[in-house]
Amino acid sequence: MKFRNLRTLLLLAFSGFLMVQCTSDPIPGPAGADGIDGIDGLDGVDGEDGTTSCVSCHSNAFREPIILAHSTSAHGSGETWGERGTRESCARCHNNEGFIDILSGLYVDSLGNSIVNPLGYSVGNVLNCNGCHANHRSLDFESDGNDKAVRSIIPVDLFIDPNLTIDFTNSSDEWGLSNLCINCHQPRNSYDIPGPTGDYEITSSRFGPHHSPQSSMLEGILGANISGPTPYPGVGSAAHREGSSCIACHMGPTTDGSDGGHTWHSTENACVQCHPNGAPTELTGFTTDFERLRQLLLAAGSIAADSSTVSGTYPANVAQATWNWRTLLEDQSRGTHNPGYTRALLDNSIDALEE
């Protein structure tokens, strides 16, 4: 009996010895080679912590005036949303979610073109902050600049002709922030531009570049370039196209808080920076000549008193002049976007009808 107890005690002692050896630290080996040094961080600004530059924009004090201005704009109010934004053909520009879907490229048709959600939208929401803004491309504003977290800044292929691309990047807009605007402010592909010969059939009271040919006017394209006494300026040669931008003119310094910024109403403050002596000479007489063209088209029967077009078959010169009148009407800038191109469209359309 005593012998068995002794043997048990020896076994327990030996097991404890093994456990200690298995769980105790091993004898350290030689030191390894030093690792590669990390990249030095950016130097901070004296007197500022790391969040100060972010808070300068991402604060209630900064955003509240923007939200108020946006609420007075056509992007944030008005009748262009609602039911129109639930239609598949309209949602890309008349619904915040439709606009995001188009830019995301999440949905494409059989040809690979971006389309809106094929399931549709139950509500047409106004364009809000996250429609135009997403994530910053870089937080190193000092080296890379501030892209304002604009959702898309790539050049835009046009609806009416995907072979035409507009890129508004220039010295005034080095990031190309104004390219975002082109996505909607361009003619739809609903109608063909009338050619210089043959009869043309107008089949809709909405004939013409649907509502938003601002980008194509600024570029100096997609009018019906009727031959006439006034030459057409080169494509992309307008001063507002080369040295200014949508952002510079429509989001410039406000005069009284009701214009500029996120109201997108251009201000005199923005204009006088480049035009201290008044408007360009090409705009002289615009109102008179625009009405003159309107009267000629009323006489030709292609437009009605309410500015809608009248369905019918017309000679080429009437159809072209009607397209040009609708282009200048829908542009809504009274020629300001591209004075030279505006003057050529006006003069040559009037000349074609008065022959």
Protein backbone atom coordinates (compact mmCIF):
# COMPACT_ATOMS: atom_id res chain seq x y z
CA MET A 1 0.00 0.00 0.00
CA LYS A 2 2.79 2.43 0.94
CA PHE A 3 4.61 1.59 -2.27
CA ARG A 4 1.55 2.47 -4.41
CA ASN A 5 1.16 5.82 -2.67
CA LEU A 6 4.80 6.65 -3.30
CA ARG A 7 4.49 5.77 -6.95
CA THR A 8 1.40 7.97 -7.31
CA LEU A 9 3.17 10.90 -5.74
CA LEU A 10 6.14 10.51 -8.06
CA LEU A 11 3.89 10.44 -11.13
CA LEU A 12 2.11 13.60 -10.01
CA ALA A 13 5.38 15.40 -9.42
CA PHE A 14 6.75 14.38 -12.82
CA SER A 15 3.54 15.53 -14.61
CA GLY A 16 3.75 18.89 -12.87
CA PHE A 17 7.34 19.23 -14.06
CA LEU A 18 6.25 18.58 -17.68
CA MET A 19 3.43 21.12 -17.45
CA VAL A 20 5.75 23.78 -16.16
CA GLN A 21 8.16 23.13 -19.02
CA CYS A 22 5.35 23.28 -21.64
CA THR A 23 3.84 26.53 -20.41
CA SER A 24 6.93 28.44 -19.40
CA ASP A 25 8.55 31.00 -21.76
CA PRO A 26 11.10 29.60 -24.21
CA ILE A 27 14.66 30.78 -24.17
CA PRO A 28 14.75 33.97 -26.35
CA GLY A 29 16.58 33.79 -29.67
CA PRO A 30 18.68 36.51 -31.30
CA ALA A 31 16.98 39.84 -32.14
CA GLY A 32 15.43 40.14 -35.63
CA ALA A 33 16.26 42.81 -38.21
CA ASP A 34 14.65 46.22 -37.76
CA GLY A 35 11.39 46.79 -39.71
CA ILE A 36 10.91 49.45 -42.40
CA ASP A 37 10.08 52.89 -41.03
CA GLY A 38 6.50 54.07 -41.60
CA ILE A 39 5.63 57.11 -43.73
CA ASP A 40 5.81 60.42 -41.91
CA GLY A 41 2.41 61.96 -41.22
CA LEU A 42 1.42 65.39 -42.50
CA ASP A 43 2.42 68.30 -40.35
CA GLY A 44 -0.50 69.84 -38.54
CA VAL A 45 -1.33 73.53 -38.50
CA ASP A 46 -0.15 75.38 -35.42
CA GLY A 47 -3.01 76.11 -33.08
CA GLU A 48 -5.42 73.65 -34.77
CA ASP A 49 -6.35 70.12 -33.91
CA GLY A 50 -6.94 67.45 -36.55
CA THR A 51 -10.66 68.15 -36.97
CA THR A 52 -10.56 71.91 -37.45
CA SER A 53 -10.36 71.81 -41.26
CA CYS A 54 -13.27 69.34 -41.37
CA VAL A 55 -15.46 71.33 -39.00
CA SER A 56 -14.99 74.46 -41.10
CA CYS A 57 -17.46 72.87 -43.57
CA HIS A 58 -19.05 70.04 -41.59
CA SER A 59 -20.80 72.11 -38.95
CA ASN A 60 -24.34 73.36 -38.46
CA ALA A 61 -23.15 76.97 -38.63
CA PHE A 62 -21.71 76.36 -42.11
CA ARG A 63 -24.50 74.15 -43.44
CA GLU A 64 -27.62 75.96 -42.27
CA PRO A 65 -27.28 78.89 -44.72
CA ILE A 66 -26.66 76.36 -47.51
CA ILE A 67 -29.77 74.38 -46.62
CA LEU A 68 -31.83 77.60 -46.55
CA ALA A 69 -30.47 78.73 -49.92
CA HIS A 70 -31.09 75.29 -51.45
CA SER A 71 -34.71 75.36 -50.29
CA THR A 72 -35.32 78.47 -52.42
CA SER A 73 -33.76 76.98 -55.55
CA ALA A 74 -35.38 75.06 -58.39
CA HIS A 75 -33.28 72.07 -57.29
CA GLY A 76 -34.85 72.11 -53.83
CA SER A 77 -38.40 73.20 -54.57
CA GLY A 78 -40.84 73.83 -57.40
CA GLU A 79 -42.93 71.64 -59.67
CA THR A 80 -40.24 69.68 -61.49
CA TRP A 81 -40.28 66.79 -59.00
CA GLY A 82 -43.23 64.84 -57.60
CA GLU A 83 -45.00 62.69 -60.16
CA ARG A 84 -42.53 63.55 -62.92
CA GLY A 85 -39.76 62.00 -60.86
CA THR A 86 -41.53 58.63 -60.82
CA ARG A 87 -41.45 58.29 -64.61
CA GLU A 88 -38.59 56.20 -65.96
CA SER A 89 -37.75 58.69 -68.74
CA CYS A 90 -37.73 61.63 -66.30
CA ALA A 91 -36.34 60.19 -63.06
CA ARG A 92 -32.70 60.62 -64.06
CA CYS A 93 -33.05 64.39 -63.66
CA HIS A 94 -36.31 64.86 -61.76
CA ASN A 95 -35.68 62.52 -58.84
CA ASN A 96 -32.80 62.59 -56.38
CA GLU A 97 -32.58 58.78 -56.30
CA GLY A 98 -32.82 58.53 -60.09
CA PHE A 99 -29.94 60.98 -60.47
CA ILE A 100 -27.79 58.97 -58.05
CA ASP A 101 -28.60 55.73 -59.90
CA ILE A 102 -27.59 57.22 -63.27
CA LEU A 103 -24.25 58.42 -61.92
CA SER A 104 -23.59 55.13 -60.11
CA GLY A 105 -23.76 53.05 -63.28
CA LEU A 106 -25.52 50.41 -61.21
CA TYR A 107 -28.18 49.80 -63.86
CA VAL A 108 -27.44 49.53 -67.59
CA ASP A 109 -29.46 48.73 -70.68
CA SER A 110 -28.64 46.14 -73.35
CA LEU A 111 -26.20 48.57 -74.97
CA GLY A 112 -24.33 49.22 -71.74
CA ASN A 113 -25.80 52.69 -71.20
CA SER A 114 -26.58 53.77 -67.66
CA ILE A 115 -30.28 53.82 -66.84
CA VAL A 116 -32.36 54.44 -63.73
CA ASN A 117 -33.64 51.67 -61.48
CA PRO A 118 -35.86 49.49 -63.71
CA LEU A 119 -38.14 48.88 -60.73
CA GLY A 120 -39.06 52.56 -60.76
CA TYR A 121 -39.61 55.04 -57.94
CA SER A 122 -42.73 55.51 -55.86
CA VAL A 123 -41.81 59.10 -54.97
CA GLY A 124 -40.05 61.83 -56.93
CA ASN A 125 -37.79 63.44 -54.32
CA VAL A 126 -36.17 66.83 -54.84
CA LEU A 127 -32.45 66.94 -55.51
CA ASN A 128 -30.84 67.15 -52.09
CA CYS A 129 -27.34 67.24 -50.61
CA ASN A 130 -26.48 63.60 -51.23
CA GLY A 131 -27.66 63.83 -54.82
CA CYS A 132 -24.74 66.10 -55.71
CA HIS A 133 -22.28 65.19 -52.93
CA ALA A 134 -20.83 61.85 -51.81
CA ASN A 135 -17.26 61.26 -50.57
CA HIS A 136 -14.07 63.31 -50.89
CA ARG A 137 -11.57 61.82 -53.32
CA SER A 138 -8.74 62.99 -51.08
CA LEU A 139 -8.55 64.55 -47.63
CA ASP A 140 -5.18 66.11 -48.39
CA PHE A 141 -6.67 69.43 -49.47
CA GLU A 142 -3.34 71.23 -49.25
CA SER A 143 -1.72 69.00 -51.87
CA ASP A 144 -4.68 67.66 -53.83
CA GLY A 145 -7.23 70.46 -53.55
CA ASN A 146 -10.79 70.28 -52.28
CA ASP A 147 -13.23 68.52 -54.59
CA LYS A 148 -16.18 69.53 -52.38
CA ALA A 149 -17.12 65.83 -52.36
CA VAL A 150 -19.00 66.36 -55.64
CA ARG A 151 -20.47 63.04 -56.71
CA SER A 152 -19.22 63.04 -60.33
CA ILE A 153 -16.68 65.23 -62.12
CA ILE A 154 -16.01 63.15 -65.23
CA PRO A 155 -16.74 64.50 -68.76
CA VAL A 156 -20.26 63.76 -69.96
CA ASP A 157 -21.44 62.02 -73.14
CA LEU A 158 -24.59 63.74 -74.36
CA PHE A 159 -28.02 62.10 -74.60
CA ILE A 160 -28.72 63.45 -78.07
CA ASP A 161 -25.44 62.11 -79.47
CA PRO A 162 -23.21 59.91 -77.24
CA ASN A 163 -20.31 60.64 -79.61
CA LEU A 164 -20.33 64.22 -78.31
CA THR A 165 -18.60 64.74 -74.97
CA ILE A 166 -18.38 67.93 -72.92
CA ASP A 167 -15.72 68.61 -70.30
CA PHE A 168 -15.95 71.95 -68.49
CA THR A 169 -12.60 71.60 -66.71
CA ASN A 170 -10.64 74.86 -67.09
CA SER A 171 -8.58 77.36 -65.10
CA SER A 172 -11.72 78.54 -63.34
CA ASP A 173 -12.80 75.01 -62.45
CA GLU A 174 -9.69 72.85 -62.22
CA TRP A 175 -11.53 69.92 -60.67
CA GLY A 176 -14.25 69.96 -63.33
CA LEU A 177 -16.99 70.35 -60.70
CA SER A 178 -19.27 71.90 -63.33
CA ASN A 179 -19.32 68.59 -65.20
CA LEU A 180 -21.88 67.39 -62.68
CA CYS A 181 -24.32 69.98 -64.05
CA ILE A 182 -24.03 68.70 -67.63
CA ASN A 183 -25.69 65.41 -66.67
CA CYS A 184 -29.09 67.12 -66.66
CA HIS A 185 -28.56 70.53 -68.25
CA GLN A 186 -28.43 69.24 -71.82
CA PRO A 187 -30.98 68.53 -74.57
CA ARG A 188 -32.84 65.26 -74.35
CA ASN A 189 -32.69 62.90 -77.31
CA SER A 190 -36.40 63.25 -78.06
CA TYR A 191 -36.13 65.05 -81.41
CA ASP A 192 -33.72 65.31 -84.32
CA ILE A 193 -32.21 68.67 -85.21
CA PRO A 194 -33.69 69.73 -88.59
CA GLY A 195 -31.32 69.63 -91.53
CA PRO A 196 -30.73 72.37 -94.12
CA THR A 197 -32.81 70.83 -96.91
CA GLY A 198 -36.14 69.08 -97.39
CA ASP A 199 -39.36 69.33 -95.42
CA TYR A 200 -39.43 68.50 -91.72
CA GLU A 201 -42.37 67.13 -89.75
CA ILE A 202 -42.95 68.50 -86.25
CA THR A 203 -44.99 65.94 -84.32
CA SER A 204 -45.15 67.41 -80.82
CA SER A 205 -46.05 70.65 -79.07
CA ARG A 206 -42.84 70.15 -77.07
CA PHE A 207 -40.58 69.99 -80.11
CA GLY A 208 -37.09 71.33 -79.44
CA PRO A 209 -34.30 70.73 -76.93
CA HIS A 210 -36.23 69.76 -73.83
CA HIS A 211 -35.86 72.44 -71.14
CA SER A 212 -32.14 72.36 -70.45
CA PRO A 213 -29.74 73.06 -73.33
CA GLN A 214 -27.49 75.20 -71.12
CA SER A 215 -24.38 73.04 -71.45
CA SER A 216 -24.69 72.68 -75.23
CA MET A 217 -25.25 76.44 -75.60
CA LEU A 218 -22.17 77.11 -73.49
CA GLU A 219 -20.22 74.69 -75.68
CA GLY A 220 -21.65 76.28 -78.84
CA ILE A 221 -23.21 73.15 -80.34
CA LEU A 222 -26.57 71.51 -81.14
CA GLY A 223 -28.27 74.52 -82.64
CA ALA A 224 -29.49 74.32 -86.24
CA ASN A 225 -26.55 76.17 -87.77
CA ILE A 226 -28.30 77.90 -90.65
CA SER A 227 -25.99 79.51 -93.19
CA GLY A 228 -26.25 83.28 -93.04
CA PRO A 229 -24.56 86.63 -92.63
CA THR A 230 -23.28 86.07 -89.08
CA PRO A 231 -20.45 83.53 -88.63
CA TYR A 232 -20.63 80.92 -85.91
CA PRO A 233 -17.87 81.02 -83.28
CA GLY A 234 -15.64 78.00 -82.79
CA VAL A 235 -16.92 75.17 -80.61
CA GLY A 236 -15.86 75.68 -77.00
CA SER A 237 -14.52 79.17 -77.70
CA ALA A 238 -16.97 81.20 -75.63
CA ALA A 239 -15.34 83.24 -72.86
CA HIS A 240 -17.69 81.71 -70.31
CA ARG A 241 -16.66 78.27 -71.55
CA GLU A 242 -12.91 78.88 -71.55
CA GLY A 243 -12.41 81.09 -68.51
CA SER A 244 -15.46 80.66 -66.31
CA SER A 245 -17.79 77.85 -65.29
CA CYS A 246 -21.25 76.93 -64.04
CA ILE A 247 -19.88 77.07 -60.49
CA ALA A 248 -18.17 80.44 -60.87
CA CYS A 249 -21.22 82.21 -62.30
CA HIS A 250 -24.12 80.49 -60.58
CA MET A 251 -22.57 79.92 -57.16
CA GLY A 252 -20.67 83.20 -56.89
CA PRO A 253 -20.70 85.64 -53.97
CA THR A 254 -24.21 86.64 -52.94
CA THR A 255 -25.52 90.20 -52.94
CA ASP A 256 -28.17 89.87 -50.23
CA GLY A 257 -28.40 86.18 -49.33
CA SER A 258 -31.15 85.44 -51.85
CA ASP A 259 -28.83 84.75 -54.80
CA GLY A 260 -25.49 83.06 -55.48
CA GLY A 261 -24.33 79.99 -53.59
CA HIS A 262 -26.80 77.12 -53.46
CA THR A 263 -29.65 79.22 -54.87
CA TRP A 264 -27.83 78.89 -58.23
CA HIS A 265 -29.10 82.35 -59.18
CA SER A 266 -26.18 84.13 -60.83
CA THR A 267 -25.33 87.45 -59.24
CA GLU A 268 -24.07 90.80 -60.44
CA ASN A 269 -21.12 90.29 -58.10
CA ALA A 270 -20.02 87.35 -60.26
CA CYS A 271 -20.58 89.22 -63.52
CA VAL A 272 -18.70 92.44 -62.76
CA GLN A 273 -15.53 90.54 -61.90
CA CYS A 274 -15.06 89.96 -65.63
CA HIS A 275 -17.49 92.51 -67.12
CA PRO A 276 -16.89 95.82 -65.32
CA ASN A 277 -18.10 97.75 -68.39
CA GLY A 278 -21.35 95.88 -68.92
CA ALA A 279 -22.64 93.00 -71.02
CA PRO A 280 -20.93 91.81 -74.24
CA THR A 281 -21.97 93.68 -77.40
CA GLU A 282 -23.48 90.53 -78.96
CA LEU A 283 -26.28 90.74 -76.39
CA THR A 284 -27.31 94.23 -77.49
CA GLY A 285 -30.81 94.04 -78.89
CA PHE A 286 -31.36 90.41 -77.84
CA THR A 287 -34.88 90.99 -76.52
CA THR A 288 -35.95 92.87 -79.65
CA ASP A 289 -34.48 90.32 -82.04
CA PHE A 290 -35.80 87.36 -80.07
CA GLU A 291 -39.31 88.79 -80.31
CA ARG A 292 -38.76 89.49 -84.00
CA LEU A 293 -37.94 85.83 -84.58
CA ARG A 294 -41.00 84.83 -82.56
CA GLN A 295 -43.28 86.94 -84.75
CA LEU A 296 -41.83 85.43 -87.90
CA LEU A 297 -42.48 81.91 -86.59
CA LEU A 298 -46.01 82.83 -85.53
CA ALA A 299 -46.59 83.98 -89.09
CA ALA A 300 -45.10 80.75 -90.43
CA GLY A 301 -47.47 78.80 -88.16
CA SER A 302 -44.81 76.65 -86.45
CA ILE A 303 -45.35 78.07 -82.95
CA ALA A 304 -48.44 79.13 -81.01
CA ALA A 305 -49.01 82.18 -78.84
CA ASP A 306 -48.20 80.17 -75.71
CA SER A 307 -44.74 79.32 -77.15
CA SER A 308 -45.59 75.67 -77.83
CA THR A 309 -44.83 74.28 -81.27
CA VAL A 310 -47.56 73.41 -83.74
CA SER A 311 -47.49 69.95 -85.34
CA GLY A 312 -47.19 69.92 -89.10
CA THR A 313 -44.78 69.66 -92.00
CA TYR A 314 -42.60 72.72 -92.63
CA PRO A 315 -39.84 73.84 -95.00
CA ALA A 316 -36.31 73.31 -93.69
CA ASN A 317 -35.72 77.00 -92.94
CA VAL A 318 -38.86 77.23 -90.80
CA ALA A 319 -38.09 74.01 -88.93
CA GLN A 320 -34.49 75.07 -88.28
CA ALA A 321 -35.50 78.55 -87.12
CA THR A 322 -38.13 77.00 -84.85
CA TRP A 323 -35.49 74.74 -83.29
CA ASN A 324 -33.20 77.71 -82.72
CA TRP A 325 -35.95 79.83 -81.17
CA ARG A 326 -36.86 76.98 -78.81
CA THR A 327 -33.17 76.50 -77.98
CA LEU A 328 -32.75 80.14 -76.97
CA LEU A 329 -36.06 80.07 -75.07
CA GLU A 330 -35.16 76.94 -73.11
CA ASP A 331 -31.60 78.11 -72.45
CA GLN A 332 -33.14 80.85 -70.26
CA SER A 333 -29.96 82.93 -70.17
CA ARG A 334 -31.06 85.49 -72.81
CA GLY A 335 -27.83 84.78 -74.60
CA THR A 336 -25.52 85.15 -71.63
CA HIS A 337 -24.18 81.60 -71.74
CA ASN A 338 -22.73 82.10 -75.22
CA PRO A 339 -23.29 85.59 -76.67
CA GLY A 340 -21.51 84.91 -79.96
CA TYR A 341 -23.36 81.66 -80.69
CA THR A 342 -26.64 83.24 -79.62
CA ARG A 343 -26.14 86.17 -82.00
CA ALA A 344 -25.36 83.83 -84.92
CA LEU A 345 -28.44 81.65 -84.28
CA LEU A 346 -30.67 84.73 -84.01
CA ASP A 347 -29.36 86.64 -87.02
CA ASN A 348 -29.21 83.67 -89.36
CA SER A 349 -32.64 82.37 -88.36
CA ILE A 350 -34.21 85.78 -88.96
CA ASP A 351 -32.39 86.11 -92.28
CA ALA A 352 -33.60 82.65 -93.40
CA LEU A 353 -37.23 83.54 -92.71
CA GLU A 354 -37.08 87.01 -94.29
CA GLU A 355 -35.60 85.89 -97.60
